[in-house]
Every structure is written in structure tokens, then in C-alpha cells.
Amino acid sequence: MKNLLVIGLIVCLCLSCGDQKSSETYDADSVQAVSLLGNDLTIPDRSEAQEKRLNDNLNEAQKNFDAEASEMNTIWLGRRHAYLYDYKKAIEVFTEGIAAYPNSYKLYRHRGHRYISIRQFDKAISDYEKAYELMPKDQMDIEPDGAPNRLNIPLSNTQFNILYHYGLAHYLKGNFEKAEAIYKKCMSYSDNPDLVVATSDWLYMALQRQGKSQIASELLGYIDPSMKIIENDSYFKRLMMYKGEIKPESLLEATGDDAALSLATQGYGVGNWYLYQNDTAKAKEIFQKVIEGTSWSAFGYIAAEVDLSKMN
């Protein structure tokens, strides 16, 4: 009987230690960047369940990295920090990875993304120039998702992501002609409807910003209401709005778990729509509504911030 009690005590202690280890949390700097309008960009609040899931994923990535500091384990460690909104640490991890793997177009791709997140567009452009130089252009490397879509089907490839974010960085800098050229290249790697609408959306906006309204309208002819979209629904809705198939106001009624992200993405499109109608005052009002949200690393949020900084 005594032996059974001792064994039970040991089991309880082991389970307790296991629980403690799995609930380890990572503390990041609360202020990750400063917006283009001079505001501190802080880590958003999360539920306990979200916090636990993200930290468990980070702990697993750290364990894998400690066992083997491979290129892929480095990428995942940086990505897991980024999902916790710790973009400073993610960039640090990717930078150390580039020192170890200087020809890794994948590490440049991910670091460039996070430079966009913290509003360092010139550094992002530099990283994507290097990533594009290094990447094999006659293939498409499937990129696994850190936050899988509802069908758990990875849709993007690394070549697409390099060009997509490369074009975005130029768009945010106001280099619309350069963004146009890059997004036309990106279309070659857009091999499913989700990627087609994402590329078409930013290409359309780059064309409109150059006053190429006729070419932009022709681009919309390739967007069909019957397209089967798995995860880029907000981009699809923006394009349908530009086509006149959806009312702008309906895109401001985002609901659900991703409401903040949807509002940032769809709201930026609505603001753009008013700009294309030469209603600058209304566009400014919508952009302001976008940046009052919490998804400050969303591309629509960043773009709205860029436009507001110019308007102000």
C-alpha cells in the first residue's frame, strides 16, 4: 500500500511538472513599433486559450530549434514569435538565420514581411530584392501555413509570397509603377483563385493610383463571382466592390472571429473606392475608421496609415 502511495505521488509530481512546462509563456516588449502617425503599436490583448496555443507552438518551435538549428527550424521559430506579435524578436531570429544561411531566399522572405509589419519599408524592399535574386524562378515551393485555413490546405508558395510582399512594400512607399511591374510577375505564381484575387487586388490599386483606370477596369474582367475562394475572401469582396457587384458600405459590417482583420482589409478597399470617386473627405473618414481597429499589422491597416499620413 505504501509503495502504491509513493508511486502515485511521483506520478502526480511528474504530471504537475509537465503542466508547468506546457504553460510556459513568453514575454515580449509591449511596444513593437511606432506608427506613421506617431502612435505606439502595442501587442493586442488575447484570450487565455489563444495565449496558451501560441505559446505552446512557440515552445515546440524553440525545442526543435535547440535540437537542430536548421534553416526550416529557424524559420518556424521566427514565425512563432511573429504570431505572438513579437516582430522585434522574429526579425532577430531571421537575421541570425541569414547569417547562418546567407543564400536562404526563404529567410529573406520572412524577415522582409516583418519589416513591413514594423513600418520599415526600405529594409523590406532590400530583403525582397535579395530574395527575388536568390529564389529559383522555375518552380513553386509550397509554403506551409502557420495558421491553417478552414480546409487545412496550404495555398501559397514561397515565390508568390516573395513577389506579393515585394510589390506591397513598393506600393506602401508610393512606388506604384514598380509595384505594378512586380505584381504582373507575381501573377505567374498565382496558381489558384485565392492567389489570383490577392495579386489582382493590389495590382488593381497600383494601376488606379497611377491613373490607369481603363487598364484597371479591364483587369476586373478576369474576376468572376463564381470563383471558389477559401481564405482570401476579403480581397475577393474588394474586387467585387470595384466591379460594382457589392455596395461599399456592406464591407464595413465585418463580423466573426476575424472581424478586426476583415475590417482593416475590407475597410481599406472602401476608402480606396471613395478616393477613386474623388471623395477625399469620405476616404479619409474610412481610413481613420480602419486605424481605430486593433489589427495594426494587417496590410490594409498599414496602407490606410500611409494614406492618412500623406493626407494629414
C-alpha atoms as a PDB file:
ATOM      1  CA  MET A   1       0.000   0.000   0.000  1.00  0.00           C
ATOM      2  CA  LYS A   2       2.811   2.355   0.950  1.00  0.00           C
ATOM      3  CA  ASN A   3       4.547   1.618  -2.370  1.00  0.00           C
ATOM      4  CA  LEU A   4       1.386   2.460  -4.264  1.00  0.00           C
ATOM      5  CA  LEU A   5       1.104   5.794  -2.462  1.00  0.00           C
ATOM      6  CA  VAL A   6       4.717   6.642  -3.260  1.00  0.00           C
ATOM      7  CA  ILE A   7       4.218   5.754  -6.926  1.00  0.00           C
ATOM      8  CA  GLY A   8       1.046   7.865  -7.036  1.00  0.00           C
ATOM      9  CA  LEU A   9       2.881  10.821  -5.520  1.00  0.00           C
ATOM     10  CA  ILE A  10       5.664  10.529  -8.095  1.00  0.00           C
ATOM     11  CA  VAL A  11       3.133  10.377 -10.943  1.00  0.00           C
ATOM     12  CA  CYS A  12       1.361  13.475  -9.628  1.00  0.00           C
ATOM     13  CA  LEU A  13       4.630  15.367  -9.374  1.00  0.00           C
ATOM     14  CA  CYS A  14       5.575  14.391 -12.923  1.00  0.00           C
ATOM     15  CA  LEU A  15       2.199  15.479 -14.249  1.00  0.00           C
ATOM     16  CA  SER A  16       2.478  18.744 -12.364  1.00  0.00           C
ATOM     17  CA  CYS A  17       5.900  19.401 -13.859  1.00  0.00           C
ATOM     18  CA  GLY A  18       4.559  18.569 -17.304  1.00  0.00           C
ATOM     19  CA  ASP A  19       1.672  21.005 -16.889  1.00  0.00           C
ATOM     20  CA  GLN A  20       4.020  23.723 -15.736  1.00  0.00           C
ATOM     21  CA  LYS A  21       6.302  23.230 -18.716  1.00  0.00           C
ATOM     22  CA  SER A  22       3.464  23.281 -21.257  1.00  0.00           C
ATOM     23  CA  SER A  23       2.098  26.541 -19.864  1.00  0.00           C
ATOM     24  CA  GLU A  24       5.350  28.480 -20.097  1.00  0.00           C
ATOM     25  CA  THR A  25       4.717  31.905 -21.565  1.00  0.00           C
ATOM     26  CA  TYR A  26       6.963  34.243 -23.468  1.00  0.00           C
ATOM     27  CA  ASP A  27       7.062  37.927 -22.521  1.00  0.00           C
ATOM     28  CA  ALA A  28       7.625  40.302 -25.437  1.00  0.00           C
ATOM     29  CA  ASP A  29       8.111  44.061 -25.463  1.00  0.00           C
ATOM     30  CA  SER A  30       4.621  45.532 -25.353  1.00  0.00           C
ATOM     31  CA  VAL A  31       5.554  48.329 -27.791  1.00  0.00           C
ATOM     32  CA  GLN A  32       6.706  46.748 -31.030  1.00  0.00           C
ATOM     33  CA  ALA A  33       6.838  49.770 -33.325  1.00  0.00           C
ATOM     34  CA  VAL A  34       5.688  53.355 -33.867  1.00  0.00           C
ATOM     35  CA  SER A  35       3.023  54.063 -36.464  1.00  0.00           C
ATOM     36  CA  LEU A  36       3.496  56.516 -39.319  1.00  0.00           C
ATOM     37  CA  LEU A  37       1.208  58.814 -37.343  1.00  0.00           C
ATOM     38  CA  GLY A  38       3.436  58.684 -34.261  1.00  0.00           C
ATOM     39  CA  ASN A  39       1.396  56.235 -32.173  1.00  0.00           C
ATOM     40  CA  ASP A  40       2.842  53.296 -30.218  1.00  0.00           C
ATOM     41  CA  LEU A  41       1.908  49.954 -31.743  1.00  0.00           C
ATOM     42  CA  THR A  42       1.381  47.509 -28.891  1.00  0.00           C
ATOM     43  CA  ILE A  43       0.632  43.800 -28.680  1.00  0.00           C
ATOM     44  CA  PRO A  44      -3.169  43.285 -28.751  1.00  0.00           C
ATOM     45  CA  ASP A  45      -4.992  41.527 -25.936  1.00  0.00           C
ATOM     46  CA  ARG A  46      -5.622  37.810 -26.393  1.00  0.00           C
ATOM     47  CA  SER A  47      -7.797  35.248 -24.668  1.00  0.00           C
ATOM     48  CA  GLU A  48      -6.205  32.704 -22.341  1.00  0.00           C
ATOM     49  CA  ALA A  49      -6.860  29.987 -24.903  1.00  0.00           C
ATOM     50  CA  GLN A  50      -5.171  31.969 -27.679  1.00  0.00           C
ATOM     51  CA  GLU A  51      -2.244  32.804 -25.418  1.00  0.00           C
ATOM     52  CA  LYS A  52      -1.751  29.169 -24.448  1.00  0.00           C
ATOM     53  CA  ARG A  53      -1.974  27.893 -28.023  1.00  0.00           C
ATOM     54  CA  LEU A  54       0.510  30.466 -29.330  1.00  0.00           C
ATOM     55  CA  ASN A  55       2.975  29.876 -26.501  1.00  0.00           C
ATOM     56  CA  ASP A  56       2.709  26.106 -26.841  1.00  0.00           C
ATOM     57  CA  ASN A  57       3.544  26.470 -30.533  1.00  0.00           C
ATOM     58  CA  LEU A  58       6.475  28.739 -29.691  1.00  0.00           C
ATOM     59  CA  ASN A  59       7.797  26.312 -27.064  1.00  0.00           C
ATOM     60  CA  GLU A  60       7.652  23.493 -29.604  1.00  0.00           C
ATOM     61  CA  ALA A  61       9.463  25.596 -32.212  1.00  0.00           C
ATOM     62  CA  GLN A  62      12.130  26.537 -29.668  1.00  0.00           C
ATOM     63  CA  LYS A  63      12.577  22.875 -28.734  1.00  0.00           C
ATOM     64  CA  ASN A  64      13.035  21.907 -32.387  1.00  0.00           C
ATOM     65  CA  PHE A  65      15.474  24.758 -32.960  1.00  0.00           C
ATOM     66  CA  ASP A  66      17.525  23.845 -29.886  1.00  0.00           C
ATOM     67  CA  ALA A  67      17.755  20.271 -31.179  1.00  0.00           C
ATOM     68  CA  GLU A  68      18.781  21.385 -34.675  1.00  0.00           C
ATOM     69  CA  ALA A  69      19.258  24.986 -35.850  1.00  0.00           C
ATOM     70  CA  SER A  70      18.280  24.123 -39.432  1.00  0.00           C
ATOM     71  CA  GLU A  71      17.018  26.654 -41.946  1.00  0.00           C
ATOM     72  CA  MET A  72      13.430  25.446 -41.577  1.00  0.00           C
ATOM     73  CA  ASN A  73      13.544  25.280 -37.765  1.00  0.00           C
ATOM     74  CA  THR A  74      14.908  28.836 -37.757  1.00  0.00           C
ATOM     75  CA  ILE A  75      12.065  29.987 -39.996  1.00  0.00           C
ATOM     76  CA  TRP A  76       9.457  28.400 -37.755  1.00  0.00           C
ATOM     77  CA  LEU A  77      10.978  29.855 -34.598  1.00  0.00           C
ATOM     78  CA  GLY A  78      10.815  33.326 -36.128  1.00  0.00           C
ATOM     79  CA  ARG A  79       7.283  32.768 -37.412  1.00  0.00           C
ATOM     80  CA  ARG A  80       6.066  31.616 -33.991  1.00  0.00           C
ATOM     81  CA  HIS A  81       7.453  34.766 -32.383  1.00  0.00           C
ATOM     82  CA  ALA A  82       5.725  36.814 -35.074  1.00  0.00           C
ATOM     83  CA  TYR A  83       2.364  35.143 -34.392  1.00  0.00           C
ATOM     84  CA  LEU A  84       2.749  36.445 -30.835  1.00  0.00           C
ATOM     85  CA  TYR A  85       3.190  39.941 -32.336  1.00  0.00           C
ATOM     86  CA  ASP A  86       6.832  39.979 -31.231  1.00  0.00           C
ATOM     87  CA  TYR A  87       8.144  41.234 -34.542  1.00  0.00           C
ATOM     88  CA  LYS A  88      11.360  42.527 -32.985  1.00  0.00           C
ATOM     89  CA  LYS A  89      12.314  39.047 -31.820  1.00  0.00           C
ATOM     90  CA  ALA A  90      11.172  37.483 -35.094  1.00  0.00           C
ATOM     91  CA  ILE A  91      13.439  39.819 -37.066  1.00  0.00           C
ATOM     92  CA  GLU A  92      16.306  38.998 -34.694  1.00  0.00           C
ATOM     93  CA  VAL A  93      15.785  35.255 -35.270  1.00  0.00           C
ATOM     94  CA  PHE A  94      15.584  35.681 -39.059  1.00  0.00           C
ATOM     95  CA  THR A  95      18.693  37.889 -39.055  1.00  0.00           C
ATOM     96  CA  GLU A  96      20.698  35.267 -37.159  1.00  0.00           C
ATOM     97  CA  GLY A  97      19.344  32.692 -39.583  1.00  0.00           C
ATOM     98  CA  ILE A  98      20.513  34.700 -42.596  1.00  0.00           C
ATOM     99  CA  ALA A  99      23.989  34.873 -41.070  1.00  0.00           C
ATOM    100  CA  ALA A 100      23.960  31.057 -40.889  1.00  0.00           C
ATOM    101  CA  TYR A 101      22.215  30.548 -44.250  1.00  0.00           C
ATOM    102  CA  PRO A 102      23.166  33.577 -46.395  1.00  0.00           C
ATOM    103  CA  ASN A 103      21.554  32.154 -49.544  1.00  0.00           C
ATOM    104  CA  SER A 104      18.192  31.434 -47.942  1.00  0.00           C
ATOM    105  CA  TYR A 105      15.588  33.257 -50.014  1.00  0.00           C
ATOM    106  CA  LYS A 106      13.009  31.901 -47.561  1.00  0.00           C
ATOM    107  CA  LEU A 107      14.592  33.652 -44.572  1.00  0.00           C
ATOM    108  CA  TYR A 108      14.787  36.913 -46.536  1.00  0.00           C
ATOM    109  CA  ARG A 109      11.127  36.446 -47.478  1.00  0.00           C
ATOM    110  CA  HIS A 110      10.032  36.155 -43.836  1.00  0.00           C
ATOM    111  CA  ARG A 111      12.245  38.926 -42.486  1.00  0.00           C
ATOM    112  CA  GLY A 112      11.022  41.287 -45.197  1.00  0.00           C
ATOM    113  CA  HIS A 113       7.428  40.561 -44.178  1.00  0.00           C
ATOM    114  CA  ARG A 114       8.120  41.599 -40.599  1.00  0.00           C
ATOM    115  CA  TYR A 115       9.954  44.739 -41.666  1.00  0.00           C
ATOM    116  CA  ILE A 116       6.666  45.684 -43.344  1.00  0.00           C
ATOM    117  CA  SER A 117       4.841  44.965 -40.071  1.00  0.00           C
ATOM    118  CA  ILE A 118       7.013  47.480 -38.181  1.00  0.00           C
ATOM    119  CA  ARG A 119       6.842  50.106 -40.990  1.00  0.00           C
ATOM    120  CA  GLN A 120      10.459  49.753 -42.180  1.00  0.00           C
ATOM    121  CA  PHE A 121       9.595  49.615 -45.867  1.00  0.00           C
ATOM    122  CA  ASP A 122      13.057  50.332 -47.265  1.00  0.00           C
ATOM    123  CA  LYS A 123      14.510  47.377 -45.362  1.00  0.00           C
ATOM    124  CA  ALA A 124      11.656  45.205 -46.604  1.00  0.00           C
ATOM    125  CA  ILE A 125      12.343  46.211 -50.213  1.00  0.00           C
ATOM    126  CA  SER A 126      16.027  45.396 -49.755  1.00  0.00           C
ATOM    127  CA  ASP A 127      15.186  41.950 -48.372  1.00  0.00           C
ATOM    128  CA  TYR A 128      12.784  41.182 -51.192  1.00  0.00           C
ATOM    129  CA  GLU A 129      15.241  42.309 -53.826  1.00  0.00           C
ATOM    130  CA  LYS A 130      17.665  39.770 -52.372  1.00  0.00           C
ATOM    131  CA  ALA A 131      15.008  37.079 -52.010  1.00  0.00           C
ATOM    132  CA  TYR A 132      13.944  37.519 -55.643  1.00  0.00           C
ATOM    133  CA  GLU A 133      17.577  37.352 -56.780  1.00  0.00           C
ATOM    134  CA  LEU A 134      18.146  34.100 -54.862  1.00  0.00           C
ATOM    135  CA  MET A 135      14.868  32.279 -55.424  1.00  0.00           C
ATOM    136  CA  PRO A 136      14.548  29.565 -58.106  1.00  0.00           C
ATOM    137  CA  LYS A 137      12.165  31.044 -60.655  1.00  0.00           C
ATOM    138  CA  ASP A 138      11.191  27.878 -62.499  1.00  0.00           C
ATOM    139  CA  GLN A 139       9.387  26.245 -59.578  1.00  0.00           C
ATOM    140  CA  MET A 140       6.860  26.943 -56.853  1.00  0.00           C
ATOM    141  CA  ASP A 141       7.768  25.866 -53.311  1.00  0.00           C
ATOM    142  CA  ILE A 142       4.614  25.193 -51.295  1.00  0.00           C
ATOM    143  CA  GLU A 143       4.752  27.259 -48.104  1.00  0.00           C
ATOM    144  CA  PRO A 144       3.151  25.587 -45.065  1.00  0.00           C
ATOM    145  CA  ASP A 145       0.660  27.682 -43.109  1.00  0.00           C
ATOM    146  CA  GLY A 146       1.248  28.645 -39.509  1.00  0.00           C
ATOM    147  CA  ALA A 147      -2.458  29.399 -39.157  1.00  0.00           C
ATOM    148  CA  PRO A 148      -4.172  26.845 -41.444  1.00  0.00           C
ATOM    149  CA  ASN A 149      -7.320  27.797 -43.371  1.00  0.00           C
ATOM    150  CA  ARG A 150     -10.665  26.094 -42.785  1.00  0.00           C
ATOM    151  CA  LEU A 151      -9.787  23.263 -45.186  1.00  0.00           C
ATOM    152  CA  ASN A 152      -6.228  22.905 -43.884  1.00  0.00           C
ATOM    153  CA  ILE A 153      -4.910  23.240 -47.448  1.00  0.00           C
ATOM    154  CA  PRO A 154      -1.729  25.331 -47.942  1.00  0.00           C
ATOM    155  CA  LEU A 155      -2.494  27.656 -50.856  1.00  0.00           C
ATOM    156  CA  SER A 156       0.567  29.834 -51.260  1.00  0.00           C
ATOM    157  CA  ASN A 157       4.090  29.239 -52.470  1.00  0.00           C
ATOM    158  CA  THR A 158       7.312  30.969 -51.498  1.00  0.00           C
ATOM    159  CA  GLN A 159       7.870  32.505 -54.939  1.00  0.00           C
ATOM    160  CA  PHE A 160       4.396  34.041 -54.819  1.00  0.00           C
ATOM    161  CA  ASN A 161       4.958  35.358 -51.300  1.00  0.00           C
ATOM    162  CA  ILE A 162       8.262  36.968 -52.232  1.00  0.00           C
ATOM    163  CA  LEU A 163       6.771  38.874 -55.170  1.00  0.00           C
ATOM    164  CA  TYR A 164       3.488  39.616 -53.395  1.00  0.00           C
ATOM    165  CA  HIS A 165       5.207  41.260 -50.422  1.00  0.00           C
ATOM    166  CA  TYR A 166       7.844  42.868 -52.660  1.00  0.00           C
ATOM    167  CA  GLY A 167       5.077  44.594 -54.600  1.00  0.00           C
ATOM    168  CA  LEU A 168       3.322  45.551 -51.375  1.00  0.00           C
ATOM    169  CA  ALA A 169       6.446  47.204 -49.953  1.00  0.00           C
ATOM    170  CA  HIS A 170       6.766  49.335 -53.107  1.00  0.00           C
ATOM    171  CA  TYR A 171       3.046  50.171 -53.002  1.00  0.00           C
ATOM    172  CA  LEU A 172       3.386  51.379 -49.421  1.00  0.00           C
ATOM    173  CA  LYS A 173       6.366  53.520 -50.432  1.00  0.00           C
ATOM    174  CA  GLY A 174       4.269  55.080 -53.206  1.00  0.00           C
ATOM    175  CA  ASN A 175       6.296  53.387 -55.951  1.00  0.00           C
ATOM    176  CA  PHE A 176       3.157  52.367 -57.837  1.00  0.00           C
ATOM    177  CA  GLU A 177       4.757  51.775 -61.229  1.00  0.00           C
ATOM    178  CA  LYS A 178       7.302  49.435 -59.642  1.00  0.00           C
ATOM    179  CA  ALA A 179       4.535  47.690 -57.701  1.00  0.00           C
ATOM    180  CA  GLU A 180       2.589  47.194 -60.934  1.00  0.00           C
ATOM    181  CA  ALA A 181       5.549  45.517 -62.646  1.00  0.00           C
ATOM    182  CA  ILE A 182       6.155  43.210 -59.683  1.00  0.00           C
ATOM    183  CA  TYR A 183       2.508  42.164 -59.356  1.00  0.00           C
ATOM    184  CA  LYS A 184       2.421  41.283 -63.053  1.00  0.00           C
ATOM    185  CA  LYS A 185       5.346  38.921 -62.375  1.00  0.00           C
ATOM    186  CA  CYS A 186       3.549  37.637 -59.290  1.00  0.00           C
ATOM    187  CA  MET A 187       0.601  36.576 -61.416  1.00  0.00           C
ATOM    188  CA  SER A 188       2.813  33.826 -62.915  1.00  0.00           C
ATOM    189  CA  TYR A 189       2.991  32.235 -59.460  1.00  0.00           C
ATOM    190  CA  SER A 190      -0.694  32.768 -58.631  1.00  0.00           C
ATOM    191  CA  ASP A 191      -1.812  29.225 -59.382  1.00  0.00           C
ATOM    192  CA  ASN A 192      -5.211  29.132 -57.653  1.00  0.00           C
ATOM    193  CA  PRO A 193      -8.193  31.509 -57.274  1.00  0.00           C
ATOM    194  CA  ASP A 194      -7.121  32.714 -53.813  1.00  0.00           C
ATOM    195  CA  LEU A 195      -3.734  33.863 -55.090  1.00  0.00           C
ATOM    196  CA  VAL A 196      -5.247  35.320 -58.264  1.00  0.00           C
ATOM    197  CA  VAL A 197      -7.593  37.589 -56.300  1.00  0.00           C
ATOM    198  CA  ALA A 198      -4.839  38.650 -53.878  1.00  0.00           C
ATOM    199  CA  THR A 199      -2.491  39.618 -56.716  1.00  0.00           C
ATOM    200  CA  SER A 200      -5.270  41.199 -58.796  1.00  0.00           C
ATOM    201  CA  ASP A 201      -6.444  43.299 -55.870  1.00  0.00           C
ATOM    202  CA  TRP A 202      -3.101  45.014 -55.225  1.00  0.00           C
ATOM    203  CA  LEU A 203      -2.359  45.266 -58.948  1.00  0.00           C
ATOM    204  CA  TYR A 204      -5.728  46.974 -59.447  1.00  0.00           C
ATOM    205  CA  MET A 205      -4.939  49.502 -56.711  1.00  0.00           C
ATOM    206  CA  ALA A 206      -1.436  50.151 -58.074  1.00  0.00           C
ATOM    207  CA  LEU A 207      -2.961  50.843 -61.509  1.00  0.00           C
ATOM    208  CA  GLN A 208      -5.622  53.157 -60.082  1.00  0.00           C
ATOM    209  CA  ARG A 209      -3.020  55.148 -58.150  1.00  0.00           C
ATOM    210  CA  GLN A 210      -1.250  55.831 -61.457  1.00  0.00           C
ATOM    211  CA  GLY A 211      -4.443  56.990 -63.128  1.00  0.00           C
ATOM    212  CA  LYS A 212      -4.594  53.844 -65.322  1.00  0.00           C
ATOM    213  CA  SER A 213      -8.310  53.415 -64.733  1.00  0.00           C
ATOM    214  CA  GLN A 214      -9.076  51.742 -68.055  1.00  0.00           C
ATOM    215  CA  ILE A 215      -6.421  49.054 -67.598  1.00  0.00           C
ATOM    216  CA  ALA A 216      -7.593  48.563 -64.003  1.00  0.00           C
ATOM    217  CA  SER A 217     -11.183  48.068 -65.202  1.00  0.00           C
ATOM    218  CA  GLU A 218     -10.037  45.513 -67.775  1.00  0.00           C
ATOM    219  CA  LEU A 219      -8.305  43.572 -65.001  1.00  0.00           C
ATOM    220  CA  LEU A 220     -11.632  43.214 -63.189  1.00  0.00           C
ATOM    221  CA  GLY A 221     -12.985  41.299 -66.177  1.00  0.00           C
ATOM    222  CA  TYR A 222     -10.986  38.268 -65.007  1.00  0.00           C
ATOM    223  CA  ILE A 223     -12.727  38.261 -61.618  1.00  0.00           C
ATOM    224  CA  ASP A 224     -15.813  36.072 -61.648  1.00  0.00           C
ATOM    225  CA  PRO A 225     -18.470  35.821 -58.892  1.00  0.00           C
ATOM    226  CA  SER A 226     -18.335  32.004 -59.157  1.00  0.00           C
ATOM    227  CA  MET A 227     -14.652  31.811 -58.139  1.00  0.00           C
ATOM    228  CA  LYS A 228     -14.141  29.346 -55.277  1.00  0.00           C
ATOM    229  CA  ILE A 229     -12.286  31.314 -52.590  1.00  0.00           C
ATOM    230  CA  ILE A 230     -11.013  29.525 -49.494  1.00  0.00           C
ATOM    231  CA  GLU A 231      -9.222  32.189 -47.464  1.00  0.00           C
ATOM    232  CA  ASN A 232      -8.817  35.486 -49.375  1.00  0.00           C
ATOM    233  CA  ASP A 233     -12.483  36.386 -49.123  1.00  0.00           C
ATOM    234  CA  SER A 234     -11.784  39.993 -48.115  1.00  0.00           C
ATOM    235  CA  TYR A 235      -9.697  40.618 -51.243  1.00  0.00           C
ATOM    236  CA  PHE A 236     -12.398  38.978 -53.357  1.00  0.00           C
ATOM    237  CA  LYS A 237     -15.053  41.246 -51.822  1.00  0.00           C
ATOM    238  CA  ARG A 238     -12.914  44.327 -52.520  1.00  0.00           C
ATOM    239  CA  LEU A 239     -12.628  43.345 -56.183  1.00  0.00           C
ATOM    240  CA  MET A 240     -16.352  42.652 -56.410  1.00  0.00           C
ATOM    241  CA  MET A 241     -16.990  46.078 -54.913  1.00  0.00           C
ATOM    242  CA  TYR A 242     -14.728  47.691 -57.527  1.00  0.00           C
ATOM    243  CA  LYS A 243     -16.763  45.817 -60.173  1.00  0.00           C
ATOM    244  CA  GLY A 244     -19.939  47.338 -58.748  1.00  0.00           C
ATOM    245  CA  GLU A 245     -21.305  43.958 -57.576  1.00  0.00           C
ATOM    246  CA  ILE A 246     -21.161  44.784 -53.843  1.00  0.00           C
ATOM    247  CA  LYS A 247     -22.090  48.016 -52.090  1.00  0.00           C
ATOM    248  CA  PRO A 248     -19.115  49.674 -50.312  1.00  0.00           C
ATOM    249  CA  GLU A 249     -20.988  50.063 -47.017  1.00  0.00           C
ATOM    250  CA  SER A 250     -21.520  46.296 -46.720  1.00  0.00           C
ATOM    251  CA  LEU A 251     -17.757  45.762 -46.453  1.00  0.00           C
ATOM    252  CA  LEU A 252     -17.695  47.779 -43.244  1.00  0.00           C
ATOM    253  CA  GLU A 253     -20.000  45.291 -41.496  1.00  0.00           C
ATOM    254  CA  ALA A 254     -17.339  42.692 -40.651  1.00  0.00           C
ATOM    255  CA  THR A 255     -18.303  40.112 -38.015  1.00  0.00           C
ATOM    256  CA  GLY A 256     -16.921  36.879 -36.566  1.00  0.00           C
ATOM    257  CA  ASP A 257     -13.592  35.858 -35.060  1.00  0.00           C
ATOM    258  CA  ASP A 258     -11.602  37.724 -37.722  1.00  0.00           C
ATOM    259  CA  ALA A 259     -13.753  40.863 -37.678  1.00  0.00           C
ATOM    260  CA  ALA A 260     -10.848  43.200 -36.844  1.00  0.00           C
ATOM    261  CA  LEU A 261      -8.721  41.810 -39.661  1.00  0.00           C
ATOM    262  CA  SER A 262     -11.637  41.854 -42.108  1.00  0.00           C
ATOM    263  CA  LEU A 263     -12.451  45.465 -41.220  1.00  0.00           C
ATOM    264  CA  ALA A 264      -8.841  46.502 -41.811  1.00  0.00           C
ATOM    265  CA  THR A 265      -8.671  44.716 -45.164  1.00  0.00           C
ATOM    266  CA  GLN A 266     -12.130  45.478 -46.492  1.00  0.00           C
ATOM    267  CA  GLY A 267     -12.212  48.961 -44.975  1.00  0.00           C
ATOM    268  CA  TYR A 268      -9.068  49.979 -46.825  1.00  0.00           C
ATOM    269  CA  GLY A 269     -10.747  48.934 -50.062  1.00  0.00           C
ATOM    270  CA  VAL A 270     -13.787  51.071 -49.231  1.00  0.00           C
ATOM    271  CA  GLY A 271     -11.563  54.064 -48.538  1.00  0.00           C
ATOM    272  CA  ASN A 272      -9.846  53.479 -51.861  1.00  0.00           C
ATOM    273  CA  TRP A 273     -13.204  53.272 -53.629  1.00  0.00           C
ATOM    274  CA  TYR A 274     -14.059  56.752 -52.364  1.00  0.00           C
ATOM    275  CA  LEU A 275     -10.657  58.016 -53.475  1.00  0.00           C
ATOM    276  CA  TYR A 276     -11.371  56.711 -56.970  1.00  0.00           C
ATOM    277  CA  GLN A 277     -14.635  58.712 -56.848  1.00  0.00           C
ATOM    278  CA  ASN A 278     -12.584  61.798 -55.896  1.00  0.00           C
ATOM    279  CA  ASP A 279     -14.298  61.942 -52.479  1.00  0.00           C
ATOM    280  CA  THR A 280     -11.163  62.548 -50.412  1.00  0.00           C
ATOM    281  CA  ALA A 281     -13.052  63.578 -47.278  1.00  0.00           C
ATOM    282  CA  LYS A 282     -15.028  60.319 -47.175  1.00  0.00           C
ATOM    283  CA  ALA A 283     -11.903  58.292 -47.947  1.00  0.00           C
ATOM    284  CA  LYS A 284     -10.115  59.940 -45.038  1.00  0.00           C
ATOM    285  CA  GLU A 285     -13.055  59.148 -42.751  1.00  0.00           C
ATOM    286  CA  ILE A 286     -12.937  55.464 -43.714  1.00  0.00           C
ATOM    287  CA  PHE A 287      -9.142  55.240 -43.361  1.00  0.00           C
ATOM    288  CA  GLN A 288      -9.478  56.738 -39.883  1.00  0.00           C
ATOM    289  CA  LYS A 289     -12.067  54.090 -39.016  1.00  0.00           C
ATOM    290  CA  VAL A 290      -9.637  51.380 -40.161  1.00  0.00           C
ATOM    291  CA  ILE A 291      -6.796  52.532 -37.920  1.00  0.00           C
ATOM    292  CA  GLU A 292      -9.092  52.675 -34.911  1.00  0.00           C
ATOM    293  CA  GLY A 293      -9.096  48.873 -35.049  1.00  0.00           C
ATOM    294  CA  THR A 294      -6.594  46.530 -33.410  1.00  0.00           C
ATOM    295  CA  SER A 295      -5.111  44.641 -36.394  1.00  0.00           C
ATOM    296  CA  TRP A 296      -2.246  47.072 -36.884  1.00  0.00           C
ATOM    297  CA  SER A 297      -0.073  44.575 -38.759  1.00  0.00           C
ATOM    298  CA  ALA A 298      -2.783  43.935 -41.375  1.00  0.00           C
ATOM    299  CA  PHE A 299      -1.777  45.259 -44.776  1.00  0.00           C
ATOM    300  CA  GLY A 300      -4.997  47.248 -45.127  1.00  0.00           C
ATOM    301  CA  TYR A 301      -4.336  48.920 -41.777  1.00  0.00           C
ATOM    302  CA  ILE A 302      -0.760  49.804 -42.766  1.00  0.00           C
ATOM    303  CA  ALA A 303      -1.871  51.139 -46.157  1.00  0.00           C
ATOM    304  CA  ALA A 304      -4.604  53.254 -44.530  1.00  0.00           C
ATOM    305  CA  GLU A 305      -1.982  54.616 -42.161  1.00  0.00           C
ATOM    306  CA  VAL A 306       0.270  55.500 -45.104  1.00  0.00           C
ATOM    307  CA  ASP A 307      -2.535  57.352 -46.877  1.00  0.00           C
ATOM    308  CA  LEU A 308      -3.625  59.194 -43.743  1.00  0.00           C
ATOM    309  CA  SER A 309      -0.063  60.314 -43.068  1.00  0.00           C
ATOM    310  CA  LYS A 310       0.041  61.835 -46.563  1.00  0.00           C
ATOM    311  CA  MET A 311      -3.410  63.408 -46.227  1.00  0.00           C
ATOM    312  CA  ASN A 312      -2.512  64.955 -42.883  1.00  0.00           C
END
